[in-house]
C-alpha atoms as a PDB file:
ATOM      1  CA  MET A   1      63.033  93.059 156.154  1.00  0.00           C
ATOM      2  CA  LYS A   2      63.403  96.635 157.384  1.00  0.00           C
ATOM      3  CA  GLN A   3      63.248  99.199 154.560  1.00  0.00           C
ATOM      4  CA  GLY A   4      66.213 101.359 153.830  1.00  0.00           C
ATOM      5  CA  LEU A   5      66.374 105.066 154.523  1.00  0.00           C
ATOM      6  CA  PHE A   6      65.974 107.624 151.772  1.00  0.00           C
ATOM      7  CA  PHE A   7      68.139 110.746 151.895  1.00  0.00           C
ATOM      8  CA  VAL A   8      68.268 113.655 149.391  1.00  0.00           C
ATOM      9  CA  LEU A   9      71.004 116.188 148.944  1.00  0.00           C
ATOM     10  CA  GLU A  10      70.044 119.561 147.459  1.00  0.00           C
ATOM     11  CA  GLY A  11      71.618 122.884 146.587  1.00  0.00           C
ATOM     12  CA  VAL A  12      72.518 125.278 143.803  1.00  0.00           C
ATOM     13  CA  ASP A  13      75.027 124.263 141.070  1.00  0.00           C
ATOM     14  CA  GLY A  14      78.363 124.398 142.884  1.00  0.00           C
ATOM     15  CA  ALA A  15      77.026 123.468 146.340  1.00  0.00           C
ATOM     16  CA  GLY A  16      78.784 120.070 146.276  1.00  0.00           C
ATOM     17  CA  THR A  17      75.838 117.709 146.207  1.00  0.00           C
ATOM     18  CA  THR A  18      77.504 115.219 143.936  1.00  0.00           C
ATOM     19  CA  SER A  19      80.808 114.900 145.762  1.00  0.00           C
ATOM     20  CA  GLN A  20      79.173 114.888 149.216  1.00  0.00           C
ATOM     21  CA  SER A  21      76.596 112.241 148.124  1.00  0.00           C
ATOM     22  CA  ARG A  22      79.397 109.890 147.075  1.00  0.00           C
ATOM     23  CA  HIS A  23      81.395 110.562 150.231  1.00  0.00           C
ATOM     24  CA  LEU A  24      78.382 110.029 152.468  1.00  0.00           C
ATOM     25  CA  ALA A  25      77.662 106.630 150.806  1.00  0.00           C
ATOM     26  CA  SER A  26      81.328 105.620 151.345  1.00  0.00           C
ATOM     27  CA  SER A  27      81.197 106.733 155.024  1.00  0.00           C
ATOM     28  CA  LEU A  28      77.994 104.777 155.644  1.00  0.00           C
ATOM     29  CA  GLN A  29      79.470 101.679 154.002  1.00  0.00           C
ATOM     30  CA  LYS A  30      82.489 101.915 156.267  1.00  0.00           C
ATOM     31  CA  LEU A  31      80.098 101.868 159.249  1.00  0.00           C
ATOM     32  CA  GLY A  32      78.546  98.650 157.940  1.00  0.00           C
ATOM     33  CA  LYS A  33      75.483 100.190 156.259  1.00  0.00           C
ATOM     34  CA  ARG A  34      74.253  99.214 152.838  1.00  0.00           C
ATOM     35  CA  ALA A  35      74.208 102.434 150.887  1.00  0.00           C
ATOM     36  CA  HIS A  36      73.648 103.323 147.222  1.00  0.00           C
ATOM     37  CA  VAL A  37      74.124 106.699 145.429  1.00  0.00           C
ATOM     38  CA  THR A  38      71.822 107.749 142.630  1.00  0.00           C
ATOM     39  CA  ALA A  39      71.000 111.107 140.954  1.00  0.00           C
ATOM     40  CA  GLU A  40      68.453 113.065 138.948  1.00  0.00           C
ATOM     41  CA  PRO A  41      68.135 113.259 136.071  1.00  0.00           C
ATOM     42  CA  SER A  42      68.272 109.481 136.256  1.00  0.00           C
ATOM     43  CA  GLN A  43      69.979 107.020 133.940  1.00  0.00           C
ATOM     44  CA  GLY A  44      66.646 106.025 132.425  1.00  0.00           C
ATOM     45  CA  PRO A  45      65.355 107.048 128.933  1.00  0.00           C
ATOM     46  CA  ILE A  46      63.657 110.291 130.153  1.00  0.00           C
ATOM     47  CA  GLY A  47      66.670 111.149 132.278  1.00  0.00           C
ATOM     48  CA  SER A  48      68.938 110.753 129.232  1.00  0.00           C
ATOM     49  CA  LEU A  49      66.742 113.123 127.287  1.00  0.00           C
ATOM     50  CA  LEU A  50      66.859 115.670 130.092  1.00  0.00           C
ATOM     51  CA  ARG A  51      70.647 115.507 130.327  1.00  0.00           C
ATOM     52  CA  GLN A  52      70.834 116.350 126.581  1.00  0.00           C
ATOM     53  CA  ILE A  53      68.640 119.358 127.111  1.00  0.00           C
ATOM     54  CA  LEU A  54      70.591 120.521 130.174  1.00  0.00           C
ATOM     55  CA  GLN A  55      73.836 120.158 128.212  1.00  0.00           C
ATOM     56  CA  ARG A  56      72.332 122.339 125.474  1.00  0.00           C
ATOM     57  CA  ARG A  57      72.559 119.462 122.938  1.00  0.00           C
ATOM     58  CA  LEU A  58      68.802 119.195 122.300  1.00  0.00           C
ATOM     59  CA  VAL A  59      66.362 121.847 121.405  1.00  0.00           C
ATOM     60  CA  VAL A  60      62.735 121.885 120.173  1.00  0.00           C
ATOM     61  CA  PRO A  61      61.512 123.397 116.845  1.00  0.00           C
ATOM     62  CA  ALA A  62      59.876 126.745 116.880  1.00  0.00           C
ATOM     63  CA  ARG A  63      58.430 129.088 114.263  1.00  0.00           C
ATOM     64  CA  ASP A  64      61.452 131.371 114.593  1.00  0.00           C
ATOM     65  CA  GLY A  65      64.015 128.603 114.648  1.00  0.00           C
ATOM     66  CA  SER A  66      64.538 126.590 117.746  1.00  0.00           C
ATOM     67  CA  ARG A  67      64.405 126.962 121.521  1.00  0.00           C
ATOM     68  CA  PHE A  68      64.859 125.056 124.773  1.00  0.00           C
ATOM     69  CA  PRO A  69      61.702 123.546 126.317  1.00  0.00           C
ATOM     70  CA  SER A  70      59.594 125.775 128.513  1.00  0.00           C
ATOM     71  CA  TRP A  71      59.701 125.608 132.275  1.00  0.00           C
ATOM     72  CA  ASN A  72      56.417 123.646 132.543  1.00  0.00           C
ATOM     73  CA  THR A  73      57.534 121.114 129.897  1.00  0.00           C
ATOM     74  CA  MET A  74      60.778 120.642 131.837  1.00  0.00           C
ATOM     75  CA  ALA A  75      58.852 120.205 135.085  1.00  0.00           C
ATOM     76  CA  LEU A  76      56.705 117.475 133.525  1.00  0.00           C
ATOM     77  CA  LEU A  77      59.712 115.731 132.043  1.00  0.00           C
ATOM     78  CA  PHE A  78      61.493 115.773 135.426  1.00  0.00           C
ATOM     79  CA  ALA A  79      58.381 114.475 137.167  1.00  0.00           C
ATOM     80  CA  ALA A  80      57.998 111.623 134.626  1.00  0.00           C
ATOM     81  CA  ASP A  81      61.672 110.737 135.035  1.00  0.00           C
ATOM     82  CA  ARG A  82      61.315 110.806 138.835  1.00  0.00           C
ATOM     83  CA  LEU A  83      58.501 108.309 138.862  1.00  0.00           C
ATOM     84  CA  ASP A  84      60.384 106.002 136.534  1.00  0.00           C
ATOM     85  CA  HIS A  85      63.496 106.429 138.691  1.00  0.00           C
ATOM     86  CA  LEU A  86      61.459 105.468 141.757  1.00  0.00           C
ATOM     87  CA  GLU A  87      59.908 102.471 140.149  1.00  0.00           C
ATOM     88  CA  SER A  88      63.032 101.087 138.500  1.00  0.00           C
ATOM     89  CA  GLU A  89      65.746 101.812 141.055  1.00  0.00           C
ATOM     90  CA  ILE A  90      64.902 103.638 144.294  1.00  0.00           C
ATOM     91  CA  VAL A  91      61.896 101.733 145.668  1.00  0.00           C
ATOM     92  CA  PRO A  92      63.196  98.242 144.899  1.00  0.00           C
ATOM     93  CA  MET A  93      66.497  99.010 146.687  1.00  0.00           C
ATOM     94  CA  LEU A  94      64.742 100.536 149.645  1.00  0.00           C
ATOM     95  CA  GLN A  95      62.634  97.425 149.970  1.00  0.00           C
ATOM     96  CA  GLU A  96      65.868  95.404 150.117  1.00  0.00           C
ATOM     97  CA  GLY A  97      66.973  97.447 153.138  1.00  0.00           C
ATOM     98  CA  ILE A  98      69.499  99.538 151.184  1.00  0.00           C
ATOM     99  CA  THR A  99      69.911 103.245 152.104  1.00  0.00           C
ATOM    100  CA  ILE A 100      69.449 105.468 149.094  1.00  0.00           C
ATOM    101  CA  ILE A 101      71.270 108.810 148.755  1.00  0.00           C
ATOM    102  CA  CYS A 102      69.822 110.787 145.906  1.00  0.00           C
ATOM    103  CA  ASP A 103      71.721 113.758 144.402  1.00  0.00           C
ATOM    104  CA  ARG A 104      68.723 116.052 143.744  1.00  0.00           C
ATOM    105  CA  TYR A 105      65.016 115.221 143.757  1.00  0.00           C
ATOM    106  CA  TYR A 106      61.744 117.122 143.324  1.00  0.00           C
ATOM    107  CA  HIS A 107      63.122 119.944 145.479  1.00  0.00           C
ATOM    108  CA  SER A 108      65.243 120.834 142.455  1.00  0.00           C
ATOM    109  CA  SER A 109      62.149 120.976 140.262  1.00  0.00           C
ATOM    110  CA  VAL A 110      60.468 123.280 142.725  1.00  0.00           C
ATOM    111  CA  ALA A 111      63.566 125.527 142.776  1.00  0.00           C
ATOM    112  CA  TYR A 112      64.751 125.509 139.197  1.00  0.00           C
ATOM    113  CA  GLN A 113      61.473 125.439 137.281  1.00  0.00           C
ATOM    114  CA  SER A 114      59.697 127.910 139.522  1.00  0.00           C
ATOM    115  CA  VAL A 115      62.367 130.608 139.138  1.00  0.00           C
ATOM    116  CA  THR A 116      62.185 130.306 135.370  1.00  0.00           C
ATOM    117  CA  ALA A 117      58.331 130.658 135.434  1.00  0.00           C
ATOM    118  CA  VAL A 118      56.444 134.005 135.236  1.00  0.00           C
ATOM    119  CA  VAL A 119      54.759 133.599 138.647  1.00  0.00           C
ATOM    120  CA  SER A 120      57.146 131.590 140.884  1.00  0.00           C
ATOM    121  CA  ASP A 121      54.797 130.887 143.771  1.00  0.00           C
ATOM    122  CA  GLN A 122      51.993 129.549 141.632  1.00  0.00           C
ATOM    123  CA  ALA A 123      54.517 127.503 139.600  1.00  0.00           C
ATOM    124  CA  ALA A 124      55.955 125.983 142.754  1.00  0.00           C
ATOM    125  CA  GLN A 125      52.517 124.872 143.892  1.00  0.00           C
ATOM    126  CA  TRP A 126      51.816 123.216 140.597  1.00  0.00           C
ATOM    127  CA  ILE A 127      55.206 121.455 140.552  1.00  0.00           C
ATOM    128  CA  ASP A 128      54.520 120.165 144.013  1.00  0.00           C
ATOM    129  CA  GLN A 129      51.191 118.792 142.821  1.00  0.00           C
ATOM    130  CA  ILE A 130      52.578 116.950 139.789  1.00  0.00           C
ATOM    131  CA  ASN A 131      55.131 115.344 142.131  1.00  0.00           C
ATOM    132  CA  ARG A 132      52.548 114.285 144.692  1.00  0.00           C
ATOM    133  CA  TYR A 133      53.012 110.579 143.956  1.00  0.00           C
ATOM    134  CA  ALA A 134      56.771 110.761 144.407  1.00  0.00           C
ATOM    135  CA  ARG A 135      57.971 109.076 147.567  1.00  0.00           C
ATOM    136  CA  ARG A 136      58.841 111.578 150.359  1.00  0.00           C
ATOM    137  CA  PRO A 137      62.452 111.418 151.588  1.00  0.00           C
ATOM    138  CA  ASP A 138      63.212 110.523 155.227  1.00  0.00           C
ATOM    139  CA  LEU A 139      65.488 113.585 155.227  1.00  0.00           C
ATOM    140  CA  THR A 140      66.519 116.309 152.748  1.00  0.00           C
ATOM    141  CA  VAL A 141      69.754 118.084 153.402  1.00  0.00           C
ATOM    142  CA  VAL A 142      70.274 121.456 151.637  1.00  0.00           C
ATOM    143  CA  LEU A 143      73.880 122.414 151.240  1.00  0.00           C
ATOM    144  CA  ASP A 144      73.890 126.213 151.527  1.00  0.00           C
ATOM    145  CA  VAL A 145      76.499 128.327 149.728  1.00  0.00           C
ATOM    146  CA  SER A 146      76.552 131.960 148.754  1.00  0.00           C
ATOM    147  CA  PHE A 147      76.192 132.954 145.107  1.00  0.00           C
ATOM    148  CA  ALA A 148      79.851 134.097 144.988  1.00  0.00           C
ATOM    149  CA  VAL A 149      81.226 130.806 146.290  1.00  0.00           C
ATOM    150  CA  ALA A 150      79.008 128.728 144.033  1.00  0.00           C
ATOM    151  CA  GLN A 151      79.999 130.908 141.087  1.00  0.00           C
ATOM    152  CA  GLN A 152      83.677 130.386 141.759  1.00  0.00           C
ATOM    153  CA  ARG A 153      83.297 126.612 141.943  1.00  0.00           C
ATOM    154  CA  ARG A 154      81.250 126.493 138.721  1.00  0.00           C
ATOM    155  CA  ARG A 155      83.990 128.351 136.853  1.00  0.00           C
ATOM    156  CA  MET A 156      86.306 125.377 137.586  1.00  0.00           C
ATOM    157  CA  ARG A 157      84.106 123.046 135.492  1.00  0.00           C
ATOM    158  CA  HIS A 158      84.138 122.387 131.775  1.00  0.00           C
ATOM    159  CA  GLY A 159      81.097 123.577 129.841  1.00  0.00           C
ATOM    160  CA  ARG A 160      78.103 125.572 130.894  1.00  0.00           C
ATOM    161  CA  GLU A 161      74.724 123.958 131.363  1.00  0.00           C
ATOM    162  CA  LEU A 162      71.286 125.317 130.729  1.00  0.00           C
ATOM    163  CA  TYR A 163      70.511 126.747 134.164  1.00  0.00           C
ATOM    164  CA  GLU A 164      73.979 128.123 134.960  1.00  0.00           C
ATOM    165  CA  SER A 165      73.449 131.809 134.140  1.00  0.00           C
ATOM    166  CA  ASP A 166      74.554 134.060 136.941  1.00  0.00           C
ATOM    167  CA  SER A 167      71.225 135.830 137.272  1.00  0.00           C
ATOM    168  CA  LEU A 168      69.331 132.549 137.595  1.00  0.00           C
ATOM    169  CA  GLN A 169      71.806 131.092 140.044  1.00  0.00           C
ATOM    170  CA  GLN A 170      71.467 134.199 142.265  1.00  0.00           C
ATOM    171  CA  LYS A 171      67.685 133.607 142.434  1.00  0.00           C
ATOM    172  CA  LEU A 172      68.232 129.952 143.191  1.00  0.00           C
ATOM    173  CA  CYS A 173      70.419 130.739 146.156  1.00  0.00           C
ATOM    174  CA  ASP A 174      67.540 132.707 147.644  1.00  0.00           C
ATOM    175  CA  VAL A 175      65.000 129.958 146.868  1.00  0.00           C
ATOM    176  CA  TYR A 176      67.132 127.201 148.479  1.00  0.00           C
ATOM    177  CA  LYS A 177      67.661 129.198 151.647  1.00  0.00           C
ATOM    178  CA  ASN A 178      63.846 129.204 152.082  1.00  0.00           C
ATOM    179  CA  ILE A 179      62.812 125.986 150.367  1.00  0.00           C
ATOM    180  CA  GLU A 180      60.624 125.078 153.380  1.00  0.00           C
ATOM    181  CA  LYS A 181      58.317 127.877 152.227  1.00  0.00           C
ATOM    182  CA  TYR A 182      57.189 125.556 149.397  1.00  0.00           C
ATOM    183  CA  LEU A 183      57.549 122.208 151.212  1.00  0.00           C
ATOM    184  CA  ALA A 184      56.523 123.058 154.711  1.00  0.00           C
ATOM    185  CA  SER A 185      55.610 119.549 155.829  1.00  0.00           C
ATOM    186  CA  GLU A 186      58.970 118.028 154.882  1.00  0.00           C
ATOM    187  CA  ALA A 187      62.024 116.987 156.998  1.00  0.00           C
ATOM    188  CA  ILE A 188      64.570 119.501 155.658  1.00  0.00           C
ATOM    189  CA  VAL A 189      67.772 120.646 157.328  1.00  0.00           C
ATOM    190  CA  HIS A 190      70.504 123.098 156.124  1.00  0.00           C
ATOM    191  CA  ILE A 191      74.233 122.713 156.317  1.00  0.00           C
ATOM    192  CA  ASP A 192      76.799 125.463 155.746  1.00  0.00           C
ATOM    193  CA  ALA A 193      78.606 124.103 152.684  1.00  0.00           C
ATOM    194  CA  GLU A 194      81.210 126.875 152.599  1.00  0.00           C
ATOM    195  CA  ALA A 195      83.157 125.061 155.278  1.00  0.00           C
ATOM    196  CA  SER A 196      85.912 122.590 154.409  1.00  0.00           C
ATOM    197  CA  PHE A 197      84.907 119.442 152.503  1.00  0.00           C
ATOM    198  CA  ASN A 198      85.637 117.262 155.572  1.00  0.00           C
ATOM    199  CA  ARG A 199      83.650 119.579 157.888  1.00  0.00           C
ATOM    200  CA  VAL A 200      80.666 119.470 155.610  1.00  0.00           C
ATOM    201  CA  ALA A 201      80.960 115.645 155.277  1.00  0.00           C
ATOM    202  CA  GLN A 202      81.093 115.267 159.031  1.00  0.00           C
ATOM    203  CA  ASP A 203      78.068 117.468 159.629  1.00  0.00           C
ATOM    204  CA  LEU A 204      76.164 115.605 156.942  1.00  0.00           C
ATOM    205  CA  LEU A 205      77.077 112.164 158.454  1.00  0.00           C
ATOM    206  CA  GLU A 206      75.947 113.317 161.868  1.00  0.00           C
ATOM    207  CA  ARG A 207      72.581 114.493 160.478  1.00  0.00           C
ATOM    208  CA  VAL A 208      71.795 111.239 158.697  1.00  0.00           C
ATOM    209  CA  SER A 209      73.142 109.062 161.522  1.00  0.00           C
ATOM    210  CA  GLU A 210      70.493 110.498 163.775  1.00  0.00           C
ATOM    211  CA  LEU A 211      67.815 108.635 161.739  1.00  0.00           C
ATOM    212  CA  TYR A 212      69.563 105.279 162.152  1.00  0.00           C
ATOM    213  CA  ASN A 213      69.432 105.694 165.904  1.00  0.00           C
ATOM    214  CA  ARG A 214      65.662 106.370 166.068  1.00  0.00           C
END
């Protein structure tokens, strides 16, 4: 049986990765493709822990009270969740011939954890190394939006997650625009996600359809 394709959608908070992932899966299914949407953090035990941290519901003890885990602890937790995610869900479904669309993957670790580190470039290299056993996607699509547009979209949500400070999100916009700097050997394309939802969805479908025709 031919293995399924593995697509990843990436971008800053507010780029639209979640809604576009779901729409892409629906579009592929209408074309007769078997497609499944998943996301990181995963639904597994480590992913559940990470979601609690991201939602500011879990902190770790410290001598002066409590704090959120450091960037390197978060990177290791995400890497562990990713390997479990691959083993329990992604790889078995790919082996069944199902296309996987993953809303965020190790590219998010490279982006988010490196910008919270003291030396971003060295951190990014280390994060890439601890994810070296993670399966490489067939294609990663980065949904590019400006800081202002992403900020406006985030304000429509309820609650504020751990990495949603304006200063951090501004840095993340810059990192995502040049993510190939850290992952030079990967198949990565960028889509202007400030266009209408339908335009972005059409551009995305065209990009992934190219791989089915190879």
